[in-house]
Amino acid sequence: SMDAVAGDCVHVAGPNGSGKTTFLRVVAGLLTPEQGSVQWQGRSITSDRDAYGASFCYLGHSDGLKPEFTCHENLAYDVGLRRRLDAATIDGTLVRLGLAQARDQPARSLSAGQRRRLSMARVMLADAPLWILDEPFTNLDVGGVNLLSEVIALHLDAGGAALLATHQPPAIPRHAVRRLDLA
């Protein structure tokens, strides 16, 4: 059992095979729990799937990018399914994540770390209060981990919440991270 409110960051921890990814997929409504329930704002997530789906953004192990699309096209397409975005907003996010020079490159030509940053740009632009992130620091160098940690901190500062599954305890600036062990 766990809960998260605005400004909370919860670290889901446990050894390989302990169910971290399964837990996140249940919270995201991608899997049905064998017992118990998931609630958002006091209501079952199954009572209004559309409203719940609009309230979170999920980043799984796969980057979910279209390899033939450029960085800009990936964000315009994917986030455009949720809300309207102008080119300047997309470009500003690419700059923020150190991907400005890759704006017009196809995703297939990016390094694994750059693809992860691009996937995180999608989360940032979704404008969802809850971020569900499965191993968000995978393939990132130290600078990328620090940048992404700051991005998560800014989301929390703005009243968002984050649920992270990571092997290493995340250091999120200005925020205490609660731990949920699945061992």
N, C-alpha and C. Protein backbone atom coordinates (compact mmCIF):
# COMPACT_ATOMS: atom_id res chain seq x y z
N SER A 1 0.84 -1.18 0.00
CA SER A 1 0.00 0.00 0.00
C SER A 1 0.89 1.24 0.00
N MET A 2 0.49 2.22 -0.75
CA MET A 2 1.23 3.48 -0.77
C MET A 2 0.30 4.58 -1.24
N ASP A 3 0.71 5.80 -0.93
CA ASP A 3 -0.02 6.94 -1.45
C ASP A 3 1.00 8.01 -1.84
N ALA A 4 0.55 8.89 -2.69
CA ALA A 4 1.40 9.99 -3.13
C ALA A 4 0.52 11.22 -3.30
N VAL A 5 1.03 12.35 -2.84
CA VAL A 5 0.32 13.62 -2.98
C VAL A 5 1.22 14.59 -3.73
N ALA A 6 0.69 15.75 -4.02
CA ALA A 6 1.45 16.77 -4.74
C ALA A 6 2.80 17.00 -4.06
N GLY A 7 3.85 17.01 -4.85
CA GLY A 7 5.19 17.24 -4.34
C GLY A 7 5.91 15.99 -3.88
N ASP A 8 5.24 14.83 -3.90
CA ASP A 8 5.84 13.57 -3.45
C ASP A 8 6.63 12.89 -4.56
N CYS A 9 7.73 12.28 -4.14
CA CYS A 9 8.50 11.41 -5.01
C CYS A 9 8.65 10.08 -4.28
N VAL A 10 8.18 9.02 -4.88
CA VAL A 10 8.24 7.69 -4.28
C VAL A 10 9.16 6.82 -5.12
N HIS A 11 10.16 6.24 -4.47
CA HIS A 11 11.13 5.36 -5.11
C HIS A 11 10.69 3.92 -4.88
N VAL A 12 10.32 3.23 -5.93
CA VAL A 12 9.95 1.82 -5.85
C VAL A 12 11.24 1.03 -6.00
N ALA A 13 11.59 0.28 -4.96
CA ALA A 13 12.88 -0.41 -4.93
C ALA A 13 12.68 -1.91 -4.75
N GLY A 14 13.67 -2.66 -5.18
CA GLY A 14 13.66 -4.10 -5.01
C GLY A 14 14.61 -4.73 -5.99
N PRO A 15 14.99 -5.97 -5.73
CA PRO A 15 15.91 -6.66 -6.64
C PRO A 15 15.22 -6.99 -7.97
N ASN A 16 16.02 -7.36 -8.95
CA ASN A 16 15.46 -7.80 -10.24
C ASN A 16 14.42 -8.88 -9.99
N GLY A 17 13.30 -8.76 -10.68
CA GLY A 17 12.25 -9.77 -10.56
C GLY A 17 11.32 -9.58 -9.38
N SER A 18 11.47 -8.51 -8.62
CA SER A 18 10.63 -8.31 -7.44
C SER A 18 9.27 -7.71 -7.77
N GLY A 19 9.08 -7.24 -9.01
CA GLY A 19 7.77 -6.73 -9.41
C GLY A 19 7.68 -5.22 -9.56
N LYS A 20 8.82 -4.54 -9.66
CA LYS A 20 8.79 -3.08 -9.78
C LYS A 20 8.04 -2.64 -11.04
N THR A 21 8.41 -3.21 -12.17
CA THR A 21 7.76 -2.85 -13.43
C THR A 21 6.29 -3.24 -13.41
N THR A 22 6.00 -4.42 -12.90
CA THR A 22 4.60 -4.86 -12.80
C THR A 22 3.80 -3.89 -11.94
N PHE A 23 4.36 -3.48 -10.81
CA PHE A 23 3.68 -2.53 -9.93
C PHE A 23 3.38 -1.23 -10.68
N LEU A 24 4.37 -0.68 -11.38
CA LEU A 24 4.15 0.56 -12.12
C LEU A 24 3.10 0.39 -13.21
N ARG A 25 3.11 -0.76 -13.86
CA ARG A 25 2.12 -1.02 -14.92
C ARG A 25 0.72 -1.14 -14.33
N VAL A 26 0.60 -1.66 -13.13
CA VAL A 26 -0.70 -1.72 -12.46
C VAL A 26 -1.16 -0.30 -12.10
N VAL A 27 -0.26 0.50 -11.55
CA VAL A 27 -0.61 1.88 -11.21
C VAL A 27 -1.02 2.65 -12.46
N ALA A 28 -0.38 2.38 -13.57
CA ALA A 28 -0.71 3.06 -14.83
C ALA A 28 -1.98 2.50 -15.48
N GLY A 29 -2.54 1.45 -14.93
CA GLY A 29 -3.75 0.87 -15.49
C GLY A 29 -3.49 -0.01 -16.69
N LEU A 30 -2.24 -0.37 -16.92
CA LEU A 30 -1.90 -1.24 -18.04
C LEU A 30 -2.09 -2.71 -17.70
N LEU A 31 -2.09 -3.02 -16.42
CA LEU A 31 -2.37 -4.37 -15.92
C LEU A 31 -3.42 -4.26 -14.82
N THR A 32 -4.22 -5.31 -14.68
CA THR A 32 -5.23 -5.35 -13.63
C THR A 32 -4.63 -6.02 -12.39
N PRO A 33 -4.79 -5.40 -11.22
CA PRO A 33 -4.24 -6.03 -10.02
C PRO A 33 -4.96 -7.33 -9.70
N GLU A 34 -4.20 -8.31 -9.19
CA GLU A 34 -4.81 -9.58 -8.79
C GLU A 34 -5.68 -9.39 -7.55
N GLN A 35 -5.30 -8.44 -6.72
CA GLN A 35 -6.13 -8.07 -5.57
C GLN A 35 -5.87 -6.62 -5.24
N GLY A 36 -6.82 -6.01 -4.55
CA GLY A 36 -6.68 -4.61 -4.21
C GLY A 36 -7.13 -3.72 -5.36
N SER A 37 -6.84 -2.44 -5.23
CA SER A 37 -7.26 -1.48 -6.25
C SER A 37 -6.29 -0.31 -6.29
N VAL A 38 -6.36 0.42 -7.37
CA VAL A 38 -5.59 1.65 -7.53
C VAL A 38 -6.59 2.78 -7.58
N GLN A 39 -6.34 3.80 -6.77
CA GLN A 39 -7.24 4.95 -6.75
C GLN A 39 -6.45 6.21 -7.05
N TRP A 40 -7.14 7.13 -7.72
CA TRP A 40 -6.58 8.44 -8.02
C TRP A 40 -7.61 9.47 -7.60
N GLN A 41 -7.21 10.36 -6.74
CA GLN A 41 -8.08 11.40 -6.22
C GLN A 41 -9.37 10.82 -5.63
N GLY A 42 -9.19 9.71 -4.88
CA GLY A 42 -10.30 9.10 -4.16
C GLY A 42 -11.21 8.21 -4.98
N ARG A 43 -10.91 8.01 -6.25
CA ARG A 43 -11.76 7.17 -7.10
C ARG A 43 -10.92 6.10 -7.77
N SER A 44 -11.54 4.96 -8.03
CA SER A 44 -10.87 3.88 -8.73
C SER A 44 -10.45 4.37 -10.11
N ILE A 45 -9.25 3.98 -10.53
CA ILE A 45 -8.79 4.42 -11.85
C ILE A 45 -9.64 3.83 -12.97
N THR A 46 -10.41 2.78 -12.68
CA THR A 46 -11.26 2.18 -13.69
C THR A 46 -12.59 2.89 -13.84
N SER A 47 -12.92 3.80 -12.91
CA SER A 47 -14.22 4.48 -12.98
C SER A 47 -14.27 5.50 -14.11
N ASP A 48 -13.15 6.10 -14.45
CA ASP A 48 -13.09 7.04 -15.58
C ASP A 48 -11.68 6.96 -16.17
N ARG A 49 -11.47 5.96 -17.00
CA ARG A 49 -10.13 5.71 -17.56
C ARG A 49 -9.58 6.90 -18.35
N ASP A 50 -10.43 7.62 -19.05
CA ASP A 50 -9.96 8.75 -19.83
C ASP A 50 -9.41 9.85 -18.92
N ALA A 51 -10.14 10.16 -17.87
CA ALA A 51 -9.68 11.20 -16.94
C ALA A 51 -8.39 10.77 -16.25
N TYR A 52 -8.32 9.51 -15.85
CA TYR A 52 -7.09 9.04 -15.21
C TYR A 52 -5.94 9.06 -16.20
N GLY A 53 -6.18 8.59 -17.41
CA GLY A 53 -5.14 8.57 -18.43
C GLY A 53 -4.58 9.96 -18.72
N ALA A 54 -5.40 10.97 -18.62
CA ALA A 54 -4.94 12.35 -18.84
C ALA A 54 -4.14 12.90 -17.66
N SER A 55 -4.22 12.23 -16.52
CA SER A 55 -3.59 12.76 -15.30
C SER A 55 -2.19 12.23 -15.06
N PHE A 56 -1.73 11.28 -15.88
CA PHE A 56 -0.38 10.75 -15.67
C PHE A 56 0.32 10.56 -17.01
N CYS A 57 1.62 10.44 -16.92
CA CYS A 57 2.43 10.09 -18.08
C CYS A 57 3.37 8.96 -17.65
N TYR A 58 3.43 7.91 -18.44
CA TYR A 58 4.20 6.71 -18.12
C TYR A 58 5.39 6.61 -19.06
N LEU A 59 6.55 6.40 -18.47
CA LEU A 59 7.77 6.13 -19.24
C LEU A 59 8.26 4.76 -18.84
N GLY A 60 8.15 3.80 -19.76
CA GLY A 60 8.58 2.43 -19.47
C GLY A 60 10.00 2.18 -19.94
N HIS A 61 10.36 0.91 -20.01
CA HIS A 61 11.71 0.54 -20.45
C HIS A 61 11.95 0.92 -21.90
N SER A 62 10.94 0.75 -22.74
CA SER A 62 11.06 1.10 -24.15
C SER A 62 10.91 2.61 -24.30
N ASP A 63 11.68 3.19 -25.22
CA ASP A 63 11.59 4.64 -25.38
C ASP A 63 10.32 5.07 -26.11
N GLY A 64 9.67 4.16 -26.82
CA GLY A 64 8.40 4.49 -27.48
C GLY A 64 8.52 5.50 -28.60
N LEU A 65 9.71 5.71 -29.10
CA LEU A 65 9.92 6.70 -30.15
C LEU A 65 9.71 6.08 -31.53
N LYS A 66 9.31 6.90 -32.47
CA LYS A 66 9.22 6.47 -33.86
C LYS A 66 10.59 6.73 -34.48
N PRO A 67 11.34 5.68 -34.84
CA PRO A 67 12.74 5.84 -35.26
C PRO A 67 12.92 6.71 -36.50
N GLU A 68 11.94 6.71 -37.41
CA GLU A 68 12.08 7.48 -38.64
C GLU A 68 11.70 8.96 -38.45
N PHE A 69 11.01 9.29 -37.35
CA PHE A 69 10.65 10.67 -37.07
C PHE A 69 11.83 11.40 -36.45
N THR A 70 11.93 12.70 -36.72
CA THR A 70 12.96 13.52 -36.06
C THR A 70 12.57 13.72 -34.60
N CYS A 71 13.48 14.27 -33.83
CA CYS A 71 13.18 14.57 -32.42
C CYS A 71 11.95 15.46 -32.33
N HIS A 72 11.95 16.53 -33.12
CA HIS A 72 10.82 17.46 -33.10
C HIS A 72 9.53 16.77 -33.52
N GLU A 73 9.58 15.96 -34.57
CA GLU A 73 8.38 15.26 -35.04
C GLU A 73 7.87 14.27 -34.00
N ASN A 74 8.77 13.55 -33.33
CA ASN A 74 8.35 12.61 -32.29
C ASN A 74 7.54 13.32 -31.21
N LEU A 75 8.05 14.45 -30.76
CA LEU A 75 7.35 15.18 -29.69
C LEU A 75 6.05 15.79 -30.19
N ALA A 76 6.07 16.38 -31.38
CA ALA A 76 4.85 16.98 -31.92
C ALA A 76 3.76 15.93 -32.10
N TYR A 77 4.14 14.76 -32.59
CA TYR A 77 3.15 13.71 -32.81
C TYR A 77 2.65 13.13 -31.49
N ASP A 78 3.57 12.65 -30.66
CA ASP A 78 3.17 11.94 -29.45
C ASP A 78 2.42 12.83 -28.48
N VAL A 79 3.00 13.97 -28.15
CA VAL A 79 2.35 14.87 -27.20
C VAL A 79 1.12 15.50 -27.85
N GLY A 80 1.16 15.68 -29.17
CA GLY A 80 0.02 16.23 -29.88
C GLY A 80 -1.24 15.39 -29.76
N LEU A 81 -1.08 14.12 -29.44
CA LEU A 81 -2.25 13.27 -29.19
C LEU A 81 -2.96 13.66 -27.90
N ARG A 82 -2.23 14.31 -26.98
CA ARG A 82 -2.78 14.72 -25.69
C ARG A 82 -3.25 16.17 -25.67
N ARG A 83 -2.42 17.03 -26.27
CA ARG A 83 -2.72 18.46 -26.20
C ARG A 83 -2.00 19.20 -27.33
N ARG A 84 -2.44 20.42 -27.59
CA ARG A 84 -1.82 21.23 -28.64
C ARG A 84 -0.49 21.80 -28.13
N LEU A 85 0.50 21.76 -29.01
CA LEU A 85 1.81 22.32 -28.71
C LEU A 85 2.27 23.17 -29.87
N ASP A 86 2.95 24.27 -29.55
CA ASP A 86 3.55 25.04 -30.63
C ASP A 86 5.02 24.64 -30.75
N ALA A 87 5.60 24.96 -31.89
CA ALA A 87 6.99 24.58 -32.18
C ALA A 87 7.96 25.16 -31.16
N ALA A 88 7.69 26.37 -30.69
CA ALA A 88 8.60 27.02 -29.73
C ALA A 88 8.64 26.26 -28.41
N THR A 89 7.51 25.72 -27.98
CA THR A 89 7.47 24.95 -26.73
C THR A 89 8.28 23.67 -26.88
N ILE A 90 8.10 23.00 -28.00
CA ILE A 90 8.86 21.78 -28.26
C ILE A 90 10.36 22.10 -28.31
N ASP A 91 10.71 23.13 -29.06
CA ASP A 91 12.12 23.50 -29.19
C ASP A 91 12.72 23.88 -27.84
N GLY A 92 11.97 24.59 -27.01
CA GLY A 92 12.46 24.96 -25.68
C GLY A 92 12.75 23.74 -24.82
N THR A 93 11.92 22.72 -24.94
CA THR A 93 12.14 21.50 -24.17
C THR A 93 13.36 20.75 -24.70
N LEU A 94 13.54 20.74 -26.01
CA LEU A 94 14.73 20.10 -26.58
C LEU A 94 16.00 20.82 -26.10
N VAL A 95 15.96 22.14 -26.04
CA VAL A 95 17.10 22.91 -25.52
C VAL A 95 17.33 22.54 -24.06
N ARG A 96 16.27 22.52 -23.27
CA ARG A 96 16.37 22.21 -21.83
C ARG A 96 17.04 20.86 -21.59
N LEU A 97 16.79 19.90 -22.47
CA LEU A 97 17.33 18.56 -22.29
C LEU A 97 18.60 18.31 -23.11
N GLY A 98 19.17 19.36 -23.64
CA GLY A 98 20.44 19.23 -24.36
C GLY A 98 20.31 18.55 -25.71
N LEU A 99 19.15 18.68 -26.34
CA LEU A 99 18.91 18.02 -27.62
C LEU A 99 18.66 19.00 -28.77
N ALA A 100 18.97 20.27 -28.56
CA ALA A 100 18.70 21.28 -29.59
C ALA A 100 19.39 20.93 -30.91
N GLN A 101 20.64 20.48 -30.84
CA GLN A 101 21.39 20.16 -32.05
C GLN A 101 20.83 18.94 -32.77
N ALA A 102 20.03 18.13 -32.07
CA ALA A 102 19.46 16.92 -32.66
C ALA A 102 18.02 17.12 -33.12
N ARG A 103 17.52 18.34 -33.08
CA ARG A 103 16.12 18.64 -33.39
C ARG A 103 15.63 17.96 -34.66
N ASP A 104 16.42 18.04 -35.72
CA ASP A 104 15.99 17.53 -37.02
C ASP A 104 16.61 16.19 -37.39
N GLN A 105 17.20 15.52 -36.42
CA GLN A 105 17.76 14.19 -36.67
C GLN A 105 16.71 13.12 -36.40
N PRO A 106 16.71 12.07 -37.20
CA PRO A 106 15.78 10.97 -36.90
C PRO A 106 16.18 10.30 -35.58
N ALA A 107 15.19 9.85 -34.84
CA ALA A 107 15.45 9.23 -33.54
C ALA A 107 16.38 8.03 -33.66
N ARG A 108 16.34 7.33 -34.76
CA ARG A 108 17.20 6.15 -34.92
C ARG A 108 18.68 6.50 -34.90
N SER A 109 19.03 7.76 -35.21
CA SER A 109 20.44 8.16 -35.25
C SER A 109 20.97 8.63 -33.90
N LEU A 110 20.11 8.70 -32.89
CA LEU A 110 20.51 9.19 -31.58
C LEU A 110 21.17 8.08 -30.76
N SER A 111 22.00 8.48 -29.81
CA SER A 111 22.56 7.51 -28.86
C SER A 111 21.45 7.06 -27.92
N ALA A 112 21.69 6.00 -27.18
CA ALA A 112 20.69 5.50 -26.21
C ALA A 112 20.37 6.56 -25.17
N GLY A 113 21.38 7.29 -24.72
CA GLY A 113 21.14 8.34 -23.73
C GLY A 113 20.32 9.49 -24.31
N GLN A 114 20.58 9.86 -25.55
CA GLN A 114 19.80 10.91 -26.19
C GLN A 114 18.35 10.47 -26.39
N ARG A 115 18.15 9.21 -26.75
CA ARG A 115 16.78 8.70 -26.89
C ARG A 115 16.04 8.74 -25.55
N ARG A 116 16.76 8.44 -24.46
CA ARG A 116 16.12 8.49 -23.15
C ARG A 116 15.73 9.92 -22.80
N ARG A 117 16.61 10.88 -23.11
CA ARG A 117 16.28 12.29 -22.87
C ARG A 117 15.06 12.70 -23.70
N LEU A 118 15.01 12.25 -24.96
CA LEU A 118 13.88 12.58 -25.81
C LEU A 118 12.59 11.98 -25.25
N SER A 119 12.67 10.77 -24.75
CA SER A 119 11.50 10.15 -24.11
C SER A 119 11.06 10.96 -22.90
N MET A 120 12.02 11.46 -22.15
CA MET A 120 11.68 12.27 -20.97
C MET A 120 11.08 13.61 -21.40
N ALA A 121 11.49 14.14 -22.54
CA ALA A 121 10.89 15.37 -23.06
C ALA A 121 9.39 15.15 -23.28
N ARG A 122 9.05 13.99 -23.76
CA ARG A 122 7.63 13.64 -23.98
C ARG A 122 6.87 13.70 -22.65
N VAL A 123 7.48 13.17 -21.59
CA VAL A 123 6.84 13.19 -20.27
C VAL A 123 6.66 14.64 -19.82
N MET A 124 7.71 15.44 -19.96
CA MET A 124 7.64 16.84 -19.55
C MET A 124 6.52 17.58 -20.27
N LEU A 125 6.41 17.38 -21.57
CA LEU A 125 5.44 18.11 -22.37
C LEU A 125 4.01 17.61 -22.21
N ALA A 126 3.83 16.43 -21.66
CA ALA A 126 2.49 15.88 -21.48
C ALA A 126 1.66 16.70 -20.51
N ASP A 127 2.32 17.44 -19.65
CA ASP A 127 1.64 18.31 -18.69
C ASP A 127 0.71 17.52 -17.78
N ALA A 128 1.18 16.38 -17.30
CA ALA A 128 0.40 15.52 -16.41
C ALA A 128 0.91 15.66 -14.98
N PRO A 129 0.03 15.67 -14.00
CA PRO A 129 0.49 15.84 -12.62
C PRO A 129 1.26 14.64 -12.05
N LEU A 130 1.02 13.44 -12.57
CA LEU A 130 1.69 12.25 -12.06
C LEU A 130 2.62 11.69 -13.13
N TRP A 131 3.87 11.54 -12.76
CA TRP A 131 4.85 10.90 -13.64
C TRP A 131 5.15 9.52 -13.09
N ILE A 132 4.99 8.50 -13.92
CA ILE A 132 5.31 7.12 -13.57
C ILE A 132 6.50 6.73 -14.43
N LEU A 133 7.67 6.59 -13.81
CA LEU A 133 8.92 6.44 -14.55
C LEU A 133 9.62 5.14 -14.17
N ASP A 134 9.77 4.25 -15.12
CA ASP A 134 10.42 2.96 -14.91
C ASP A 134 11.87 3.06 -15.40
N GLU A 135 12.80 3.05 -14.49
CA GLU A 135 14.23 3.16 -14.78
C GLU A 135 14.53 4.38 -15.67
N PRO A 136 14.14 5.57 -15.21
CA PRO A 136 14.31 6.76 -16.06
C PRO A 136 15.77 7.14 -16.32
N PHE A 137 16.70 6.67 -15.49
CA PHE A 137 18.10 7.07 -15.65
C PHE A 137 18.92 6.09 -16.51
N THR A 138 18.25 5.06 -17.06
CA THR A 138 18.93 4.08 -17.90
C THR A 138 19.61 4.78 -19.08
N ASN A 139 20.85 4.39 -19.34
CA ASN A 139 21.65 4.89 -20.47
C ASN A 139 22.09 6.34 -20.36
N LEU A 140 21.87 6.97 -19.22
CA LEU A 140 22.29 8.37 -19.06
C LEU A 140 23.64 8.44 -18.38
N ASP A 141 24.47 9.39 -18.83
CA ASP A 141 25.73 9.65 -18.16
C ASP A 141 25.45 10.49 -16.91
N VAL A 142 26.49 10.81 -16.16
CA VAL A 142 26.32 11.56 -14.91
C VAL A 142 25.60 12.89 -15.16
N GLY A 143 26.00 13.59 -16.22
CA GLY A 143 25.34 14.86 -16.54
C GLY A 143 23.87 14.67 -16.86
N GLY A 144 23.54 13.61 -17.58
CA GLY A 144 22.15 13.31 -17.90
C GLY A 144 21.33 12.96 -16.68
N VAL A 145 21.92 12.20 -15.76
CA VAL A 145 21.23 11.85 -14.51
C VAL A 145 20.96 13.11 -13.71
N ASN A 146 21.95 13.99 -13.60
CA ASN A 146 21.76 15.23 -12.86
C ASN A 146 20.70 16.11 -13.50
N LEU A 147 20.71 16.21 -14.83
CA LEU A 147 19.73 17.01 -15.54
C LEU A 147 18.33 16.45 -15.32
N LEU A 148 18.17 15.16 -15.48
CA LEU A 148 16.86 14.54 -15.31
C LEU A 148 16.39 14.65 -13.86
N SER A 149 17.29 14.53 -12.91
CA SER A 149 16.93 14.70 -11.50
C SER A 149 16.39 16.10 -11.24
N GLU A 150 17.01 17.09 -11.86
CA GLU A 150 16.54 18.47 -11.71
C GLU A 150 15.18 18.66 -12.38
N VAL A 151 14.97 18.04 -13.53
CA VAL A 151 13.67 18.11 -14.22
C VAL A 151 12.58 17.51 -13.32
N ILE A 152 12.87 16.39 -12.69
CA ILE A 152 11.90 15.77 -11.78
C ILE A 152 11.65 16.70 -10.60
N ALA A 153 12.70 17.31 -10.05
CA ALA A 153 12.55 18.23 -8.93
C ALA A 153 11.66 19.41 -9.31
N LEU A 154 11.84 19.95 -10.50
CA LEU A 154 11.00 21.08 -10.94
C LEU A 154 9.53 20.65 -11.06
N HIS A 155 9.30 19.44 -11.52
CA HIS A 155 7.94 18.90 -11.60
C HIS A 155 7.33 18.83 -10.19
N LEU A 156 8.10 18.35 -9.24
CA LEU A 156 7.62 18.26 -7.85
C LEU A 156 7.41 19.65 -7.27
N ASP A 157 8.34 20.58 -7.55
CA ASP A 157 8.20 21.96 -7.09
C ASP A 157 6.89 22.58 -7.55
N ALA A 158 6.45 22.20 -8.76
CA ALA A 158 5.24 22.75 -9.34
C ALA A 158 3.98 22.04 -8.86
N GLY A 159 4.13 21.10 -7.91
CA GLY A 159 2.97 20.40 -7.36
C GLY A 159 2.68 19.07 -7.99
N GLY A 160 3.59 18.59 -8.84
CA GLY A 160 3.42 17.27 -9.42
C GLY A 160 3.89 16.18 -8.47
N ALA A 161 3.68 14.94 -8.85
CA ALA A 161 4.14 13.79 -8.07
C ALA A 161 4.86 12.85 -9.03
N ALA A 162 5.79 12.07 -8.49
CA ALA A 162 6.54 11.13 -9.32
C ALA A 162 6.68 9.79 -8.61
N LEU A 163 6.53 8.75 -9.36
CA LEU A 163 6.70 7.38 -8.90
C LEU A 163 7.80 6.79 -9.77
N LEU A 164 8.96 6.46 -9.15
CA LEU A 164 10.13 6.02 -9.89
C LEU A 164 10.55 4.63 -9.46
N ALA A 165 10.78 3.76 -10.42
CA ALA A 165 11.43 2.48 -10.14
C ALA A 165 12.87 2.62 -10.61
N THR A 166 13.80 2.49 -9.69
CA THR A 166 15.22 2.58 -10.04
C THR A 166 15.99 1.59 -9.18
N HIS A 167 17.14 1.16 -9.69
CA HIS A 167 17.98 0.26 -8.90
C HIS A 167 18.77 1.02 -7.86
N GLN A 168 19.14 2.26 -8.17
CA GLN A 168 19.88 3.09 -7.23
C GLN A 168 18.93 4.13 -6.66
N PRO A 169 19.05 4.44 -5.37
CA PRO A 169 18.20 5.49 -4.81
C PRO A 169 18.41 6.81 -5.54
N PRO A 170 17.35 7.42 -6.03
CA PRO A 170 17.51 8.68 -6.77
C PRO A 170 17.77 9.85 -5.82
N ALA A 171 18.60 10.77 -6.24
CA ALA A 171 18.84 12.00 -5.51
C ALA A 171 18.12 13.11 -6.27
N ILE A 172 16.99 13.52 -5.75
CA ILE A 172 16.19 14.56 -6.39
C ILE A 172 16.41 15.85 -5.61
N PRO A 173 16.99 16.86 -6.23
CA PRO A 173 17.31 18.10 -5.51
C PRO A 173 16.08 18.69 -4.80
N ARG A 174 16.29 19.13 -3.57
CA ARG A 174 15.28 19.84 -2.76
C ARG A 174 14.14 18.95 -2.29
N HIS A 175 14.20 17.64 -2.53
CA HIS A 175 13.07 16.77 -2.18
C HIS A 175 13.54 15.50 -1.48
N ALA A 176 12.82 15.16 -0.43
CA ALA A 176 13.03 13.86 0.20
C ALA A 176 12.31 12.82 -0.65
N VAL A 177 12.94 11.71 -0.86
CA VAL A 177 12.37 10.65 -1.68
C VAL A 177 11.95 9.52 -0.74
N ARG A 178 10.65 9.20 -0.75
CA ARG A 178 10.18 8.08 0.05
C ARG A 178 10.45 6.78 -0.70
N ARG A 179 10.71 5.74 0.05
CA ARG A 179 11.06 4.45 -0.55
C ARG A 179 9.96 3.44 -0.28
N LEU A 180 9.60 2.71 -1.33
CA LEU A 180 8.66 1.60 -1.23
C LEU A 180 9.39 0.35 -1.65
N ASP A 181 9.66 -0.55 -0.70
CA ASP A 181 10.42 -1.77 -1.00
C ASP A 181 9.49 -2.90 -1.42
N LEU A 182 9.83 -3.54 -2.51
CA LEU A 182 9.08 -4.70 -3.00
C LEU A 182 9.86 -5.99 -2.81
N ALA A 183 10.80 -5.99 -1.92
CA ALA A 183 11.64 -7.18 -1.70
C ALA A 183 10.85 -8.33 -1.15
